[in-house]
Amino acid sequence: GEKVSALPAAFVWSDLRVRVRVRVRVRVLTHDD
């Protein structure tokens, strides 16, 4: 059971990191005063 749940967890974690990175990038780009 651990191997089955470990794979999706890795994808979720990587997706989360990508979303945070994109969010920060967009925030920086749109924060030009």
PDB file of N, CA and C in Angstrom:
ATOM      1  N   GLY A   1       0.809  -1.208   0.000  1.00  0.00           N
ATOM      2  CA  GLY A   1       0.000   0.000   0.000  1.00  0.00           C
ATOM      3  C   GLY A   1       0.845   1.261   0.000  1.00  0.00           C
ATOM      4  N   GLU A   2       2.014   1.183   0.588  1.00  0.00           N
ATOM      5  CA  GLU A   2       2.855   2.381   0.664  1.00  0.00           C
ATOM      6  C   GLU A   2       3.376   2.785  -0.711  1.00  0.00           C
ATOM      7  N   LYS A   3       3.742   1.789  -1.528  1.00  0.00           N
ATOM      8  CA  LYS A   3       4.270   2.099  -2.863  1.00  0.00           C
ATOM      9  C   LYS A   3       3.196   2.744  -3.736  1.00  0.00           C
ATOM     10  N   VAL A   4       1.962   2.287  -3.576  1.00  0.00           N
ATOM     11  CA  VAL A   4       0.863   2.810  -4.383  1.00  0.00           C
ATOM     12  C   VAL A   4       0.557   4.256  -4.001  1.00  0.00           C
ATOM     13  N   SER A   5       0.639   4.569  -2.707  1.00  0.00           N
ATOM     14  CA  SER A   5       0.314   5.917  -2.244  1.00  0.00           C
ATOM     15  C   SER A   5       1.511   6.851  -2.358  1.00  0.00           C
ATOM     16  N   ALA A   6       2.701   6.279  -2.500  1.00  0.00           N
ATOM     17  CA  ALA A   6       3.911   7.094  -2.579  1.00  0.00           C
ATOM     18  C   ALA A   6       4.025   7.765  -3.947  1.00  0.00           C
ATOM     19  N   LEU A   7       3.578   7.077  -4.988  1.00  0.00           N
ATOM     20  CA  LEU A   7       3.670   7.633  -6.340  1.00  0.00           C
ATOM     21  C   LEU A   7       2.777   8.861  -6.512  1.00  0.00           C
ATOM     22  N   PRO A   8       1.476   8.770  -6.209  1.00  0.00           N
ATOM     23  CA  PRO A   8       0.606   9.949  -6.317  1.00  0.00           C
ATOM     24  C   PRO A   8       1.083  11.087  -5.424  1.00  0.00           C
ATOM     25  N   ALA A   9       1.603  10.760  -4.247  1.00  0.00           N
ATOM     26  CA  ALA A   9       2.088  11.780  -3.317  1.00  0.00           C
ATOM     27  C   ALA A   9       3.224  12.568  -3.945  1.00  0.00           C
ATOM     28  N   ALA A  10       4.095  11.881  -4.684  1.00  0.00           N
ATOM     29  CA  ALA A  10       5.222  12.543  -5.341  1.00  0.00           C
ATOM     30  C   ALA A  10       4.715  13.489  -6.429  1.00  0.00           C
ATOM     31  N   PHE A  11       3.703  13.048  -7.166  1.00  0.00           N
ATOM     32  CA  PHE A  11       3.138  13.893  -8.221  1.00  0.00           C
ATOM     33  C   PHE A  11       2.429  15.108  -7.623  1.00  0.00           C
ATOM     34  N   VAL A  12       1.713  14.887  -6.523  1.00  0.00           N
ATOM     35  CA  VAL A  12       1.002  15.982  -5.853  1.00  0.00           C
ATOM     36  C   VAL A  12       1.996  16.990  -5.310  1.00  0.00           C
ATOM     37  N   TRP A  13       3.097  16.486  -4.730  1.00  0.00           N
ATOM     38  CA  TRP A  13       4.106  17.376  -4.154  1.00  0.00           C
ATOM     39  C   TRP A  13       4.778  18.202  -5.244  1.00  0.00           C
ATOM     40  N   SER A  14       5.118  17.554  -6.363  1.00  0.00           N
ATOM     41  CA  SER A  14       5.773  18.261  -7.472  1.00  0.00           C
ATOM     42  C   SER A  14       4.812  19.286  -8.076  1.00  0.00           C
ATOM     43  N   ASP A  15       3.543  18.912  -8.177  1.00  0.00           N
ATOM     44  CA  ASP A  15       2.542  19.826  -8.726  1.00  0.00           C
ATOM     45  C   ASP A  15       2.365  21.024  -7.804  1.00  0.00           C
ATOM     46  N   LEU A  16       2.423  20.752  -6.492  1.00  0.00           N
ATOM     47  CA  LEU A  16       2.278  21.828  -5.514  1.00  0.00           C
ATOM     48  C   LEU A  16       3.434  22.810  -5.621  1.00  0.00           C
ATOM     49  N   ARG A  17       4.647  22.265  -5.774  1.00  0.00           N
ATOM     50  CA  ARG A  17       5.829  23.125  -5.893  1.00  0.00           C
ATOM     51  C   ARG A  17       5.754  23.980  -7.156  1.00  0.00           C
ATOM     52  N   VAL A  18       5.273  23.376  -8.248  1.00  0.00           N
ATOM     53  CA  VAL A  18       5.149  24.108  -9.511  1.00  0.00           C
ATOM     54  C   VAL A  18       4.124  25.231  -9.373  1.00  0.00           C
ATOM     55  N   ARG A  19       3.014  24.933  -8.707  1.00  0.00           N
ATOM     56  CA  ARG A  19       1.965  25.946  -8.541  1.00  0.00           C
ATOM     57  C   ARG A  19       2.469  27.114  -7.703  1.00  0.00           C
ATOM     58  N   VAL A  20       3.206  26.797  -6.645  1.00  0.00           N
ATOM     59  CA  VAL A  20       3.748  27.850  -5.781  1.00  0.00           C
ATOM     60  C   VAL A  20       4.750  28.689  -6.554  1.00  0.00           C
ATOM     61  N   ARG A  21       5.585  28.017  -7.346  1.00  0.00           N
ATOM     62  CA  ARG A  21       6.610  28.721  -8.123  1.00  0.00           C
ATOM     63  C   ARG A  21       5.962  29.655  -9.146  1.00  0.00           C
ATOM     64  N   VAL A  22       4.923  29.165  -9.825  1.00  0.00           N
ATOM     65  CA  VAL A  22       4.214  29.972 -10.820  1.00  0.00           C
ATOM     66  C   VAL A  22       3.497  31.135 -10.136  1.00  0.00           C
ATOM     67  N   ARG A  23       2.932  30.847  -8.962  1.00  0.00           N
ATOM     68  CA  ARG A  23       2.200  31.874  -8.224  1.00  0.00           C
ATOM     69  C   ARG A  23       3.139  33.014  -7.827  1.00  0.00           C
ATOM     70  N   VAL A  24       4.315  32.652  -7.357  1.00  0.00           N
ATOM     71  CA  VAL A  24       5.299  33.656  -6.950  1.00  0.00           C
ATOM     72  C   VAL A  24       5.776  34.444  -8.162  1.00  0.00           C
ATOM     73  N   ARG A  25       5.991  33.728  -9.261  1.00  0.00           N
ATOM     74  CA  ARG A  25       6.471  34.381 -10.487  1.00  0.00           C
ATOM     75  C   ARG A  25       5.435  35.385 -11.000  1.00  0.00           C
ATOM     76  N   VAL A  26       4.178  34.980 -11.014  1.00  0.00           N
ATOM     77  CA  VAL A  26       3.095  35.856 -11.469  1.00  0.00           C
ATOM     78  C   VAL A  26       2.965  37.047 -10.527  1.00  0.00           C
ATOM     79  N   ARG A  27       3.131  36.790  -9.229  1.00  0.00           N
ATOM     80  CA  ARG A  27       3.021  37.858  -8.235  1.00  0.00           C
ATOM     81  C   ARG A  27       4.114  38.901  -8.450  1.00  0.00           C
ATOM     82  N   VAL A  28       5.314  38.440  -8.777  1.00  0.00           N
ATOM     83  CA  VAL A  28       6.437  39.350  -9.016  1.00  0.00           C
ATOM     84  C   VAL A  28       6.211  40.146 -10.297  1.00  0.00           C
ATOM     85  N   LEU A  29       5.714  39.461 -11.327  1.00  0.00           N
ATOM     86  CA  LEU A  29       5.497  40.124 -12.615  1.00  0.00           C
ATOM     87  C   LEU A  29       4.398  41.179 -12.530  1.00  0.00           C
ATOM     88  N   THR A  30       3.372  40.898 -11.736  1.00  0.00           N
ATOM     89  CA  THR A  30       2.230  41.806 -11.650  1.00  0.00           C
ATOM     90  C   THR A  30       2.416  42.846 -10.554  1.00  0.00           C
ATOM     91  N   HIS A  31       3.558  42.814  -9.879  1.00  0.00           N
ATOM     92  CA  HIS A  31       3.799  43.735  -8.761  1.00  0.00           C
ATOM     93  C   HIS A  31       4.675  44.903  -9.192  1.00  0.00           C
ATOM     94  N   ASP A  32       4.741  45.123 -10.518  1.00  0.00           N
ATOM     95  CA  ASP A  32       5.543  46.239 -11.026  1.00  0.00           C
ATOM     96  C   ASP A  32       4.809  47.556 -10.811  1.00  0.00           C
ATOM     97  N   ASP A  33       5.340  48.390  -9.953  1.00  0.00           N
ATOM     98  CA  ASP A  33       4.718  49.684  -9.672  1.00  0.00           C
ATOM     99  C   ASP A  33       5.370  50.770 -10.509  1.00  0.00           C
TER     100      ASP A  33
END
